[in-house]
Amino acid sequence: MYAKSGSMDDAHRMSNSMPSQSVVSLTAMILGHMKCGQGQDALELFEQMQQEVVQPNSVTFVAVLNACARVGAVEVGRHVHEQIIQSGCESDVFVRSSLVDMYAKCGSLEDALRVFIHV
């Protein structure tokens, strides 16, 4: 609720008070940062999520790819793409669309086309 309303300080306080983080709570925080235009903060939270060994899901990947597109972090996006392949989420239509979008917005049109035509 705090993240959706753009109150990221309150969202972080609430999140930090939780006994453990889940993919749902961390993805909500990443989405909150994106809603507030804080793409770099979203990527930093994704990195923290990985250090805490919380496995991302397709919704997480879409949010992180959007953050990569927003800040032009194509190398981070490529690393996330590798994780997507390893997780088996590559066939998810929303993930694939986000991959195409991220590569295109970051100026890597060959990669965008490669993802787009991959069947």
PDB file of N, CA and C in Angstrom:
ATOM      1  N   MET A   1       0.823  -1.179   0.000  1.00  0.00           N
ATOM      2  CA  MET A   1       0.000   0.000   0.000  1.00  0.00           C
ATOM      3  C   MET A   1       0.877   1.255   0.000  1.00  0.00           C
ATOM      4  N   TYR A   2       1.906   1.283   0.854  1.00  0.00           N
ATOM      5  CA  TYR A   2       2.781   2.452   0.897  1.00  0.00           C
ATOM      6  C   TYR A   2       3.513   2.630  -0.436  1.00  0.00           C
ATOM      7  N   ALA A   3       4.032   1.528  -0.980  1.00  0.00           N
ATOM      8  CA  ALA A   3       4.766   1.605  -2.244  1.00  0.00           C
ATOM      9  C   ALA A   3       3.853   2.064  -3.370  1.00  0.00           C
ATOM     10  N   LYS A   4       2.641   1.536  -3.415  1.00  0.00           N
ATOM     11  CA  LYS A   4       1.705   1.931  -4.473  1.00  0.00           C
ATOM     12  C   LYS A   4       1.326   3.400  -4.380  1.00  0.00           C
ATOM     13  N   SER A   5       1.301   3.929  -3.172  1.00  0.00           N
ATOM     14  CA  SER A   5       0.933   5.335  -3.009  1.00  0.00           C
ATOM     15  C   SER A   5       2.140   6.272  -3.148  1.00  0.00           C
ATOM     16  N   GLY A   6       3.327   5.690  -3.395  1.00  0.00           N
ATOM     17  CA  GLY A   6       4.513   6.508  -3.609  1.00  0.00           C
ATOM     18  C   GLY A   6       5.242   6.916  -2.341  1.00  0.00           C
ATOM     19  N   SER A   7       4.832   6.380  -1.208  1.00  0.00           N
ATOM     20  CA  SER A   7       5.479   6.710   0.060  1.00  0.00           C
ATOM     21  C   SER A   7       6.575   5.679   0.340  1.00  0.00           C
ATOM     22  N   MET A   8       7.692   5.815  -0.363  1.00  0.00           N
ATOM     23  CA  MET A   8       8.737   4.800  -0.301  1.00  0.00           C
ATOM     24  C   MET A   8       9.441   4.749   1.051  1.00  0.00           C
ATOM     25  N   ASP A   9       9.550   5.870   1.749  1.00  0.00           N
ATOM     26  CA  ASP A   9      10.154   5.828   3.082  1.00  0.00           C
ATOM     27  C   ASP A   9       9.326   4.955   4.009  1.00  0.00           C
ATOM     28  N   ASP A  10       8.008   5.144   4.001  1.00  0.00           N
ATOM     29  CA  ASP A  10       7.132   4.308   4.825  1.00  0.00           C
ATOM     30  C   ASP A  10       7.168   2.853   4.361  1.00  0.00           C
ATOM     31  N   ALA A  11       7.217   2.654   3.053  1.00  0.00           N
ATOM     32  CA  ALA A  11       7.285   1.284   2.517  1.00  0.00           C
ATOM     33  C   ALA A  11       8.554   0.587   2.990  1.00  0.00           C
ATOM     34  N   HIS A  12       9.679   1.299   2.972  1.00  0.00           N
ATOM     35  CA  HIS A  12      10.938   0.701   3.441  1.00  0.00           C
ATOM     36  C   HIS A  12      10.883   0.403   4.938  1.00  0.00           C
ATOM     37  N   ARG A  13      10.316   1.324   5.706  1.00  0.00           N
ATOM     38  CA  ARG A  13      10.195   1.067   7.152  1.00  0.00           C
ATOM     39  C   ARG A  13       9.372  -0.190   7.407  1.00  0.00           C
ATOM     40  N   MET A  14       8.263  -0.325   6.720  1.00  0.00           N
ATOM     41  CA  MET A  14       7.403  -1.490   6.894  1.00  0.00           C
ATOM     42  C   MET A  14       8.119  -2.760   6.427  1.00  0.00           C
ATOM     43  N   SER A  15       8.766  -2.676   5.293  1.00  0.00           N
ATOM     44  CA  SER A  15       9.475  -3.825   4.748  1.00  0.00           C
ATOM     45  C   SER A  15      10.599  -4.273   5.680  1.00  0.00           C
ATOM     46  N   ASN A  16      11.338  -3.316   6.218  1.00  0.00           N
ATOM     47  CA  ASN A  16      12.451  -3.650   7.117  1.00  0.00           C
ATOM     48  C   ASN A  16      11.978  -4.229   8.439  1.00  0.00           C
ATOM     49  N   SER A  17      10.726  -3.959   8.815  1.00  0.00           N
ATOM     50  CA  SER A  17      10.214  -4.500  10.071  1.00  0.00           C
ATOM     51  C   SER A  17       9.686  -5.934   9.922  1.00  0.00           C
ATOM     52  N   MET A  18       9.606  -6.410   8.686  1.00  0.00           N
ATOM     53  CA  MET A  18       9.112  -7.773   8.452  1.00  0.00           C
ATOM     54  C   MET A  18      10.178  -8.778   8.869  1.00  0.00           C
ATOM     55  N   PRO A  19       9.760  -9.904   9.471  1.00  0.00           N
ATOM     56  CA  PRO A  19      10.746 -10.898   9.904  1.00  0.00           C
ATOM     57  C   PRO A  19      11.549 -11.485   8.742  1.00  0.00           C
ATOM     58  N   SER A  20      10.935 -11.616   7.576  1.00  0.00           N
ATOM     59  CA  SER A  20      11.655 -12.098   6.402  1.00  0.00           C
ATOM     60  C   SER A  20      11.024 -11.504   5.149  1.00  0.00           C
ATOM     61  N   GLN A  21      11.832 -11.399   4.136  1.00  0.00           N
ATOM     62  CA  GLN A  21      11.373 -10.840   2.873  1.00  0.00           C
ATOM     63  C   GLN A  21      10.955 -11.973   1.931  1.00  0.00           C
ATOM     64  N   SER A  22       9.923 -11.725   1.164  1.00  0.00           N
ATOM     65  CA  SER A  22       9.491 -12.692   0.169  1.00  0.00           C
ATOM     66  C   SER A  22       9.612 -12.064  -1.207  1.00  0.00           C
ATOM     67  N   VAL A  23       9.475 -12.886  -2.231  1.00  0.00           N
ATOM     68  CA  VAL A  23       9.505 -12.364  -3.587  1.00  0.00           C
ATOM     69  C   VAL A  23       8.372 -11.365  -3.801  1.00  0.00           C
ATOM     70  N   VAL A  24       7.249 -11.574  -3.155  1.00  0.00           N
ATOM     71  CA  VAL A  24       6.101 -10.674  -3.310  1.00  0.00           C
ATOM     72  C   VAL A  24       6.404  -9.308  -2.689  1.00  0.00           C
ATOM     73  N   SER A  25       6.915  -9.290  -1.461  1.00  0.00           N
ATOM     74  CA  SER A  25       7.174  -8.008  -0.798  1.00  0.00           C
ATOM     75  C   SER A  25       8.292  -7.244  -1.495  1.00  0.00           C
ATOM     76  N   LEU A  26       9.335  -7.937  -1.911  1.00  0.00           N
ATOM     77  CA  LEU A  26      10.446  -7.256  -2.575  1.00  0.00           C
ATOM     78  C   LEU A  26      10.053  -6.767  -3.964  1.00  0.00           C
ATOM     79  N   THR A  27       9.250  -7.547  -4.675  1.00  0.00           N
ATOM     80  CA  THR A  27       8.777  -7.105  -5.990  1.00  0.00           C
ATOM     81  C   THR A  27       7.880  -5.884  -5.841  1.00  0.00           C
ATOM     82  N   ALA A  28       7.044  -5.858  -4.809  1.00  0.00           N
ATOM     83  CA  ALA A  28       6.198  -4.682  -4.556  1.00  0.00           C
ATOM     84  C   ALA A  28       7.063  -3.449  -4.313  1.00  0.00           C
ATOM     85  N   MET A  29       8.157  -3.617  -3.618  1.00  0.00           N
ATOM     86  CA  MET A  29       9.058  -2.495  -3.369  1.00  0.00           C
ATOM     87  C   MET A  29       9.732  -2.040  -4.668  1.00  0.00           C
ATOM     88  N   ILE A  30      10.156  -2.988  -5.491  1.00  0.00           N
ATOM     89  CA  ILE A  30      10.774  -2.641  -6.773  1.00  0.00           C
ATOM     90  C   ILE A  30       9.773  -1.874  -7.631  1.00  0.00           C
ATOM     91  N   LEU A  31       8.535  -2.354  -7.681  1.00  0.00           N
ATOM     92  CA  LEU A  31       7.488  -1.674  -8.445  1.00  0.00           C
ATOM     93  C   LEU A  31       7.205  -0.279  -7.881  1.00  0.00           C
ATOM     94  N   GLY A  32       7.264  -0.140  -6.566  1.00  0.00           N
ATOM     95  CA  GLY A  32       7.071   1.167  -5.938  1.00  0.00           C
ATOM     96  C   GLY A  32       8.144   2.149  -6.360  1.00  0.00           C
ATOM     97  N   HIS A  33       9.386   1.686  -6.395  1.00  0.00           N
ATOM     98  CA  HIS A  33      10.473   2.556  -6.841  1.00  0.00           C
ATOM     99  C   HIS A  33      10.261   2.967  -8.295  1.00  0.00           C
ATOM    100  N   MET A  34       9.788   2.044  -9.105  1.00  0.00           N
ATOM    101  CA  MET A  34       9.537   2.370 -10.510  1.00  0.00           C
ATOM    102  C   MET A  34       8.421   3.399 -10.633  1.00  0.00           C
ATOM    103  N   LYS A  35       7.372   3.235  -9.834  1.00  0.00           N
ATOM    104  CA  LYS A  35       6.251   4.181  -9.865  1.00  0.00           C
ATOM    105  C   LYS A  35       6.724   5.593  -9.504  1.00  0.00           C
ATOM    106  N   CYS A  36       7.707   5.667  -8.629  1.00  0.00           N
ATOM    107  CA  CYS A  36       8.238   6.962  -8.183  1.00  0.00           C
ATOM    108  C   CYS A  36       9.365   7.471  -9.086  1.00  0.00           C
ATOM    109  N   GLY A  37       9.643   6.756 -10.174  1.00  0.00           N
ATOM    110  CA  GLY A  37      10.706   7.185 -11.084  1.00  0.00           C
ATOM    111  C   GLY A  37      12.096   6.921 -10.559  1.00  0.00           C
ATOM    112  N   GLN A  38      12.231   5.961  -9.666  1.00  0.00           N
ATOM    113  CA  GLN A  38      13.513   5.654  -9.031  1.00  0.00           C
ATOM    114  C   GLN A  38      14.075   4.337  -9.567  1.00  0.00           C
ATOM    115  N   GLY A  39      14.406   4.341 -10.859  1.00  0.00           N
ATOM    116  CA  GLY A  39      14.890   3.126 -11.504  1.00  0.00           C
ATOM    117  C   GLY A  39      16.166   2.575 -10.884  1.00  0.00           C
ATOM    118  N   GLN A  40      17.097   3.449 -10.545  1.00  0.00           N
ATOM    119  CA  GLN A  40      18.354   2.986  -9.947  1.00  0.00           C
ATOM    120  C   GLN A  40      18.098   2.345  -8.584  1.00  0.00           C
ATOM    121  N   ASP A  41      17.209   2.918  -7.803  1.00  0.00           N
ATOM    122  CA  ASP A  41      16.860   2.319  -6.500  1.00  0.00           C
ATOM    123  C   ASP A  41      16.220   0.950  -6.694  1.00  0.00           C
ATOM    124  N   ALA A  42      15.408   0.805  -7.737  1.00  0.00           N
ATOM    125  CA  ALA A  42      14.789  -0.489  -8.036  1.00  0.00           C
ATOM    126  C   ALA A  42      15.862  -1.532  -8.348  1.00  0.00           C
ATOM    127  N   LEU A  43      16.867  -1.134  -9.128  1.00  0.00           N
ATOM    128  CA  LEU A  43      17.949  -2.070  -9.462  1.00  0.00           C
ATOM    129  C   LEU A  43      18.775  -2.434  -8.233  1.00  0.00           C
ATOM    130  N   GLU A  44      19.012  -1.465  -7.365  1.00  0.00           N
ATOM    131  CA  GLU A  44      19.755  -1.754  -6.130  1.00  0.00           C
ATOM    132  C   GLU A  44      18.979  -2.721  -5.241  1.00  0.00           C
ATOM    133  N   LEU A  45      17.671  -2.561  -5.185  1.00  0.00           N
ATOM    134  CA  LEU A  45      16.853  -3.472  -4.388  1.00  0.00           C
ATOM    135  C   LEU A  45      16.857  -4.870  -5.001  1.00  0.00           C
ATOM    136  N   PHE A  46      16.860  -4.963  -6.327  1.00  0.00           N
ATOM    137  CA  PHE A  46      16.948  -6.261  -6.986  1.00  0.00           C
ATOM    138  C   PHE A  46      18.263  -6.949  -6.639  1.00  0.00           C
ATOM    139  N   GLU A  47      19.344  -6.175  -6.614  1.00  0.00           N
ATOM    140  CA  GLU A  47      20.647  -6.730  -6.236  1.00  0.00           C
ATOM    141  C   GLU A  47      20.609  -7.243  -4.796  1.00  0.00           C
ATOM    142  N   GLN A  48      19.992  -6.478  -3.917  1.00  0.00           N
ATOM    143  CA  GLN A  48      19.846  -6.905  -2.510  1.00  0.00           C
ATOM    144  C   GLN A  48      19.020  -8.190  -2.439  1.00  0.00           C
ATOM    145  N   MET A  49      17.985  -8.258  -3.236  1.00  0.00           N
ATOM    146  CA  MET A  49      17.116  -9.439  -3.289  1.00  0.00           C
ATOM    147  C   MET A  49      17.939 -10.683  -3.638  1.00  0.00           C
ATOM    148  N   GLN A  50      18.843 -10.538  -4.582  1.00  0.00           N
ATOM    149  CA  GLN A  50      19.673 -11.670  -4.984  1.00  0.00           C
ATOM    150  C   GLN A  50      20.661 -12.052  -3.890  1.00  0.00           C
ATOM    151  N   GLN A  51      21.172 -11.069  -3.178  1.00  0.00           N
ATOM    152  CA  GLN A  51      22.096 -11.366  -2.086  1.00  0.00           C
ATOM    153  C   GLN A  51      21.385 -12.110  -0.965  1.00  0.00           C
ATOM    154  N   GLU A  52      20.090 -11.847  -0.802  1.00  0.00           N
ATOM    155  CA  GLU A  52      19.303 -12.529   0.217  1.00  0.00           C
ATOM    156  C   GLU A  52      18.756 -13.856  -0.289  1.00  0.00           C
ATOM    157  N   VAL A  53      19.136 -14.235  -1.490  1.00  0.00           N
ATOM    158  CA  VAL A  53      18.760 -15.484  -2.136  1.00  0.00           C
ATOM    159  C   VAL A  53      17.234 -15.647  -2.215  1.00  0.00           C
ATOM    160  N   VAL A  54      16.567 -14.574  -2.588  1.00  0.00           N
ATOM    161  CA  VAL A  54      15.137 -14.628  -2.868  1.00  0.00           C
ATOM    162  C   VAL A  54      15.007 -14.756  -4.378  1.00  0.00           C
ATOM    163  N   GLN A  55      14.369 -15.824  -4.833  1.00  0.00           N
ATOM    164  CA  GLN A  55      14.254 -16.090  -6.261  1.00  0.00           C
ATOM    165  C   GLN A  55      13.218 -15.185  -6.913  1.00  0.00           C
ATOM    166  N   PRO A  56      13.614 -14.435  -7.935  1.00  0.00           N
ATOM    167  CA  PRO A  56      12.655 -13.580  -8.626  1.00  0.00           C
ATOM    168  C   PRO A  56      11.654 -14.412  -9.428  1.00  0.00           C
ATOM    169  N   ASN A  57      10.483 -13.839  -9.668  1.00  0.00           N
ATOM    170  CA  ASN A  57       9.492 -14.481 -10.528  1.00  0.00           C
ATOM    171  C   ASN A  57       9.310 -13.625 -11.774  1.00  0.00           C
ATOM    172  N   SER A  58       8.369 -13.988 -12.618  1.00  0.00           N
ATOM    173  CA  SER A  58       8.201 -13.261 -13.874  1.00  0.00           C
ATOM    174  C   SER A  58       7.811 -11.802 -13.639  1.00  0.00           C
ATOM    175  N   VAL A  59       7.027 -11.526 -12.611  1.00  0.00           N
ATOM    176  CA  VAL A  59       6.642 -10.140 -12.305  1.00  0.00           C
ATOM    177  C   VAL A  59       7.875  -9.339 -11.887  1.00  0.00           C
ATOM    178  N   THR A  60       8.731  -9.952 -11.113  1.00  0.00           N
ATOM    179  CA  THR A  60       9.977  -9.295 -10.695  1.00  0.00           C
ATOM    180  C   THR A  60      10.825  -8.973 -11.921  1.00  0.00           C
ATOM    181  N   PHE A  61      10.964  -9.946 -12.813  1.00  0.00           N
ATOM    182  CA  PHE A  61      11.782  -9.730 -14.001  1.00  0.00           C
ATOM    183  C   PHE A  61      11.240  -8.585 -14.856  1.00  0.00           C
ATOM    184  N   VAL A  62       9.924  -8.524 -15.029  1.00  0.00           N
ATOM    185  CA  VAL A  62       9.328  -7.436 -15.809  1.00  0.00           C
ATOM    186  C   VAL A  62       9.662  -6.085 -15.166  1.00  0.00           C
ATOM    187  N   ALA A  63       9.516  -5.998 -13.851  1.00  0.00           N
ATOM    188  CA  ALA A  63       9.800  -4.746 -13.145  1.00  0.00           C
ATOM    189  C   ALA A  63      11.269  -4.350 -13.290  1.00  0.00           C
ATOM    190  N   VAL A  64      12.169  -5.308 -13.159  1.00  0.00           N
ATOM    191  CA  VAL A  64      13.598  -5.025 -13.237  1.00  0.00           C
ATOM    192  C   VAL A  64      14.000  -4.640 -14.659  1.00  0.00           C
ATOM    193  N   LEU A  65      13.435  -5.302 -15.647  1.00  0.00           N
ATOM    194  CA  LEU A  65      13.725  -4.939 -17.034  1.00  0.00           C
ATOM    195  C   LEU A  65      13.244  -3.527 -17.332  1.00  0.00           C
ATOM    196  N   ASN A  66      12.100  -3.156 -16.780  1.00  0.00           N
ATOM    197  CA  ASN A  66      11.614  -1.786 -16.950  1.00  0.00           C
ATOM    198  C   ASN A  66      12.554  -0.783 -16.288  1.00  0.00           C
ATOM    199  N   ALA A  67      13.114  -1.158 -15.142  1.00  0.00           N
ATOM    200  CA  ALA A  67      14.089  -0.287 -14.470  1.00  0.00           C
ATOM    201  C   ALA A  67      15.348  -0.148 -15.331  1.00  0.00           C
ATOM    202  N   CYS A  68      15.798  -1.254 -15.903  1.00  0.00           N
ATOM    203  CA  CYS A  68      16.969  -1.208 -16.786  1.00  0.00           C
ATOM    204  C   CYS A  68      16.712  -0.279 -17.964  1.00  0.00           C
ATOM    205  N   ALA A  69      15.530  -0.388 -18.551  1.00  0.00           N
ATOM    206  CA  ALA A  69      15.173   0.465 -19.690  1.00  0.00           C
ATOM    207  C   ALA A  69      15.143   1.927 -19.279  1.00  0.00           C
ATOM    208  N   ARG A  70      14.611   2.197 -18.104  1.00  0.00           N
ATOM    209  CA  ARG A  70      14.478   3.585 -17.645  1.00  0.00           C
ATOM    210  C   ARG A  70      15.834   4.250 -17.433  1.00  0.00           C
ATOM    211  N   VAL A  71      16.798   3.505 -16.890  1.00  0.00           N
ATOM    212  CA  VAL A  71      18.104   4.113 -16.591  1.00  0.00           C
ATOM    213  C   VAL A  71      19.167   3.779 -17.637  1.00  0.00           C
ATOM    214  N   GLY A  72      18.794   3.022 -18.665  1.00  0.00           N
ATOM    215  CA  GLY A  72      19.748   2.689 -19.725  1.00  0.00           C
ATOM    216  C   GLY A  72      20.807   1.699 -19.309  1.00  0.00           C
ATOM    217  N   ALA A  73      20.460   0.784 -18.429  1.00  0.00           N
ATOM    218  CA  ALA A  73      21.420  -0.187 -17.894  1.00  0.00           C
ATOM    219  C   ALA A  73      21.381  -1.477 -18.714  1.00  0.00           C
ATOM    220  N   VAL A  74      21.882  -1.411 -19.950  1.00  0.00           N
ATOM    221  CA  VAL A  74      21.804  -2.566 -20.838  1.00  0.00           C
ATOM    222  C   VAL A  74      22.634  -3.745 -20.321  1.00  0.00           C
ATOM    223  N   GLU A  75      23.771  -3.489 -19.709  1.00  0.00           N
ATOM    224  CA  GLU A  75      24.592  -4.609 -19.199  1.00  0.00           C
ATOM    225  C   GLU A  75      23.884  -5.328 -18.052  1.00  0.00           C
ATOM    226  N   VAL A  76      23.260  -4.569 -17.174  1.00  0.00           N
ATOM    227  CA  VAL A  76      22.460  -5.194 -16.114  1.00  0.00           C
ATOM    228  C   VAL A  76      21.327  -5.984 -16.752  1.00  0.00           C
ATOM    229  N   GLY A  77      20.695  -5.400 -17.762  1.00  0.00           N
ATOM    230  CA  GLY A  77      19.613  -6.082 -18.474  1.00  0.00           C
ATOM    231  C   GLY A  77      20.064  -7.384 -19.098  1.00  0.00           C
ATOM    232  N   ARG A  78      21.263  -7.411 -19.647  1.00  0.00           N
ATOM    233  CA  ARG A  78      21.797  -8.658 -20.224  1.00  0.00           C
ATOM    234  C   ARG A  78      21.992  -9.722 -19.137  1.00  0.00           C
ATOM    235  N   HIS A  79      22.473  -9.287 -17.998  1.00  0.00           N
ATOM    236  CA  HIS A  79      22.644 -10.230 -16.881  1.00  0.00           C
ATOM    237  C   HIS A  79      21.278 -10.764 -16.425  1.00  0.00           C
ATOM    238  N   VAL A  80      20.301  -9.879 -16.346  1.00  0.00           N
ATOM    239  CA  VAL A  80      18.938 -10.293 -15.966  1.00  0.00           C
ATOM    240  C   VAL A  80      18.391 -11.254 -17.015  1.00  0.00           C
ATOM    241  N   HIS A  81      18.681 -10.995 -18.291  1.00  0.00           N
ATOM    242  CA  HIS A  81      18.234 -11.884 -19.366  1.00  0.00           C
ATOM    243  C   HIS A  81      18.786 -13.294 -19.146  1.00  0.00           C
ATOM    244  N   GLU A  82      20.045 -13.392 -18.765  1.00  0.00           N
ATOM    245  CA  GLU A  82      20.637 -14.704 -18.463  1.00  0.00           C
ATOM    246  C   GLU A  82      19.885 -15.390 -17.327  1.00  0.00           C
ATOM    247  N   GLN A  83      19.540 -14.634 -16.302  1.00  0.00           N
ATOM    248  CA  GLN A  83      18.794 -15.196 -15.178  1.00  0.00           C
ATOM    249  C   GLN A  83      17.407 -15.662 -15.621  1.00  0.00           C
ATOM    250  N   ILE A  84      16.799 -14.906 -16.510  1.00  0.00           N
ATOM    251  CA  ILE A  84      15.479 -15.263 -17.022  1.00  0.00           C
ATOM    252  C   ILE A  84      15.547 -16.604 -17.745  1.00  0.00           C
ATOM    253  N   ILE A  85      16.580 -16.776 -18.556  1.00  0.00           N
ATOM    254  CA  ILE A  85      16.750 -18.042 -19.274  1.00  0.00           C
ATOM    255  C   ILE A  85      16.932 -19.182 -18.274  1.00  0.00           C
ATOM    256  N   GLN A  86      17.786 -18.970 -17.274  1.00  0.00           N
ATOM    257  CA  GLN A  86      18.042 -20.014 -16.275  1.00  0.00           C
ATOM    258  C   GLN A  86      16.793 -20.350 -15.472  1.00  0.00           C
ATOM    259  N   SER A  87      15.937 -19.364 -15.241  1.00  0.00           N
ATOM    260  CA  SER A  87      14.745 -19.597 -14.422  1.00  0.00           C
ATOM    261  C   SER A  87      13.606 -20.243 -15.196  1.00  0.00           C
ATOM    262  N   GLY A  88      13.706 -20.235 -16.517  1.00  0.00           N
ATOM    263  CA  GLY A  88      12.633 -20.791 -17.331  1.00  0.00           C
ATOM    264  C   GLY A  88      11.505 -19.809 -17.613  1.00  0.00           C
ATOM    265  N   CYS A  89      11.704 -18.545 -17.292  1.00  0.00           N
ATOM    266  CA  CYS A  89      10.658 -17.528 -17.499  1.00  0.00           C
ATOM    267  C   CYS A  89      10.705 -16.903 -18.887  1.00  0.00           C
ATOM    268  N   GLU A  90      11.633 -17.341 -19.721  1.00  0.00           N
ATOM    269  CA  GLU A  90      11.812 -16.704 -21.025  1.00  0.00           C
ATOM    270  C   GLU A  90      10.579 -16.835 -21.924  1.00  0.00           C
ATOM    271  N   SER A  91       9.779 -17.862 -21.725  1.00  0.00           N
ATOM    272  CA  SER A  91       8.604 -18.046 -22.580  1.00  0.00           C
ATOM    273  C   SER A  91       7.414 -17.188 -22.147  1.00  0.00           C
ATOM    274  N   ASP A  92       7.497 -16.550 -20.989  1.00  0.00           N
ATOM    275  CA  ASP A  92       6.414 -15.677 -20.520  1.00  0.00           C
ATOM    276  C   ASP A  92       6.315 -14.471 -21.450  1.00  0.00           C
ATOM    277  N   VAL A  93       5.123 -14.248 -22.006  1.00  0.00           N
ATOM    278  CA  VAL A  93       4.938 -13.190 -23.003  1.00  0.00           C
ATOM    279  C   VAL A  93       5.246 -11.802 -22.433  1.00  0.00           C
ATOM    280  N   PHE A  94       4.953 -11.565 -21.174  1.00  0.00           N
ATOM    281  CA  PHE A  94       5.234 -10.261 -20.562  1.00  0.00           C
ATOM    282  C   PHE A  94       6.738 -10.067 -20.368  1.00  0.00           C
ATOM    283  N   VAL A  95       7.418 -11.126 -20.001  1.00  0.00           N
ATOM    284  CA  VAL A  95       8.877 -11.061 -19.835  1.00  0.00           C
ATOM    285  C   VAL A  95       9.531 -10.809 -21.185  1.00  0.00           C
ATOM    286  N   ARG A  96       9.098 -11.553 -22.208  1.00  0.00           N
ATOM    287  CA  ARG A  96       9.673 -11.376 -23.552  1.00  0.00           C
ATOM    288  C   ARG A  96       9.438  -9.953 -24.064  1.00  0.00           C
ATOM    289  N   SER A  97       8.237  -9.447 -23.870  1.00  0.00           N
ATOM    290  CA  SER A  97       7.937  -8.082 -24.309  1.00  0.00           C
ATOM    291  C   SER A  97       8.812  -7.072 -23.584  1.00  0.00           C
ATOM    292  N   SER A  98       9.031  -7.308 -22.302  1.00  0.00           N
ATOM    293  CA  SER A  98       9.877  -6.406 -21.512  1.00  0.00           C
ATOM    294  C   SER A  98      11.328  -6.485 -21.949  1.00  0.00           C
ATOM    295  N   LEU A  99      11.771  -7.679 -22.346  1.00  0.00           N
ATOM    296  CA  LEU A  99      13.127  -7.824 -22.874  1.00  0.00           C
ATOM    297  C   LEU A  99      13.290  -7.019 -24.161  1.00  0.00           C
ATOM    298  N   VAL A 100      12.338  -7.167 -25.084  1.00  0.00           N
ATOM    299  CA  VAL A 100      12.396  -6.417 -26.342  1.00  0.00           C
ATOM    300  C   VAL A 100      12.418  -4.918 -26.049  1.00  0.00           C
ATOM    301  N   ASP A 101      11.530  -4.478 -25.166  1.00  0.00           N
ATOM    302  CA  ASP A 101      11.437  -3.065 -24.799  1.00  0.00           C
ATOM    303  C   ASP A 101      12.735  -2.554 -24.191  1.00  0.00           C
ATOM    304  N   MET A 102      13.288  -3.324 -23.270  1.00  0.00           N
ATOM    305  CA  MET A 102      14.522  -2.904 -22.597  1.00  0.00           C
ATOM    306  C   MET A 102      15.666  -2.779 -23.590  1.00  0.00           C
ATOM    307  N   TYR A 103      15.861  -3.802 -24.434  1.00  0.00           N
ATOM    308  CA  TYR A 103      16.953  -3.735 -25.404  1.00  0.00           C
ATOM    309  C   TYR A 103      16.751  -2.564 -26.366  1.00  0.00           C
ATOM    310  N   ALA A 104      15.527  -2.367 -26.843  1.00  0.00           N
ATOM    311  CA  ALA A 104      15.258  -1.279 -27.783  1.00  0.00           C
ATOM    312  C   ALA A 104      15.508   0.080 -27.140  1.00  0.00           C
ATOM    313  N   LYS A 105      15.010   0.287 -25.929  1.00  0.00           N
ATOM    314  CA  LYS A 105      15.200   1.577 -25.258  1.00  0.00           C
ATOM    315  C   LYS A 105      16.655   1.843 -24.893  1.00  0.00           C
ATOM    316  N   CYS A 106      17.423   0.771 -24.728  1.00  0.00           N
ATOM    317  CA  CYS A 106      18.841   0.929 -24.412  1.00  0.00           C
ATOM    318  C   CYS A 106      19.695   1.022 -25.681  1.00  0.00           C
ATOM    319  N   GLY A 107      19.039   0.987 -26.849  1.00  0.00           N
ATOM    320  CA  GLY A 107      19.760   1.148 -28.106  1.00  0.00           C
ATOM    321  C   GLY A 107      20.382  -0.111 -28.662  1.00  0.00           C
ATOM    322  N   SER A 108      20.036  -1.254 -28.128  1.00  0.00           N
ATOM    323  CA  SER A 108      20.576  -2.521 -28.608  1.00  0.00           C
ATOM    324  C   SER A 108      19.521  -3.213 -29.474  1.00  0.00           C
ATOM    325  N   LEU A 109      19.328  -2.658 -30.666  1.00  0.00           N
ATOM    326  CA  LEU A 109      18.252  -3.135 -31.531  1.00  0.00           C
ATOM    327  C   LEU A 109      18.462  -4.561 -32.029  1.00  0.00           C
ATOM    328  N   GLU A 110      19.716  -4.960 -32.212  1.00  0.00           N
ATOM    329  CA  GLU A 110      19.983  -6.346 -32.629  1.00  0.00           C
ATOM    330  C   GLU A 110      19.512  -7.330 -31.566  1.00  0.00           C
ATOM    331  N   ASP A 111      19.778  -7.029 -30.304  1.00  0.00           N
ATOM    332  CA  ASP A 111      19.317  -7.900 -29.222  1.00  0.00           C
ATOM    333  C   ASP A 111      17.795  -7.897 -29.145  1.00  0.00           C
ATOM    334  N   ALA A 112      17.184  -6.726 -29.323  1.00  0.00           N
ATOM    335  CA  ALA A 112      15.720  -6.640 -29.302  1.00  0.00           C
ATOM    336  C   ALA A 112      15.122  -7.512 -30.398  1.00  0.00           C
ATOM    337  N   LEU A 113      15.684  -7.442 -31.584  1.00  0.00           N
ATOM    338  CA  LEU A 113      15.191  -8.247 -32.703  1.00  0.00           C
ATOM    339  C   LEU A 113      15.395  -9.731 -32.440  1.00  0.00           C
ATOM    340  N   ARG A 114      16.542 -10.075 -31.881  1.00  0.00           N
ATOM    341  CA  ARG A 114      16.852 -11.481 -31.581  1.00  0.00           C
ATOM    342  C   ARG A 114      15.823 -12.058 -30.594  1.00  0.00           C
ATOM    343  N   VAL A 115      15.469 -11.300 -29.567  1.00  0.00           N
ATOM    344  CA  VAL A 115      14.463 -11.755 -28.606  1.00  0.00           C
ATOM    345  C   VAL A 115      13.101 -11.828 -29.283  1.00  0.00           C
ATOM    346  N   PHE A 116      12.797 -10.833 -30.120  1.00  0.00           N
ATOM    347  CA  PHE A 116      11.495 -10.755 -30.779  1.00  0.00           C
ATOM    348  C   PHE A 116      11.249 -11.936 -31.706  1.00  0.00           C
ATOM    349  N   ILE A 117      12.258 -12.343 -32.479  1.00  0.00           N
ATOM    350  CA  ILE A 117      12.040 -13.411 -33.450  1.00  0.00           C
ATOM    351  C   ILE A 117      12.324 -14.791 -32.886  1.00  0.00           C
ATOM    352  N   HIS A 118      12.874 -14.867 -31.693  1.00  0.00           N
ATOM    353  CA  HIS A 118      13.153 -16.178 -31.071  1.00  0.00           C
ATOM    354  C   HIS A 118      11.846 -16.892 -30.780  1.00  0.00           C
ATOM    355  N   VAL A 119      11.743 -18.092 -31.299  1.00  0.00           N
ATOM    356  CA  VAL A 119      10.496 -18.856 -31.105  1.00  0.00           C
ATOM    357  C   VAL A 119      10.759 -20.037 -30.213  1.00  0.00           C
TER     358      VAL A 119
END
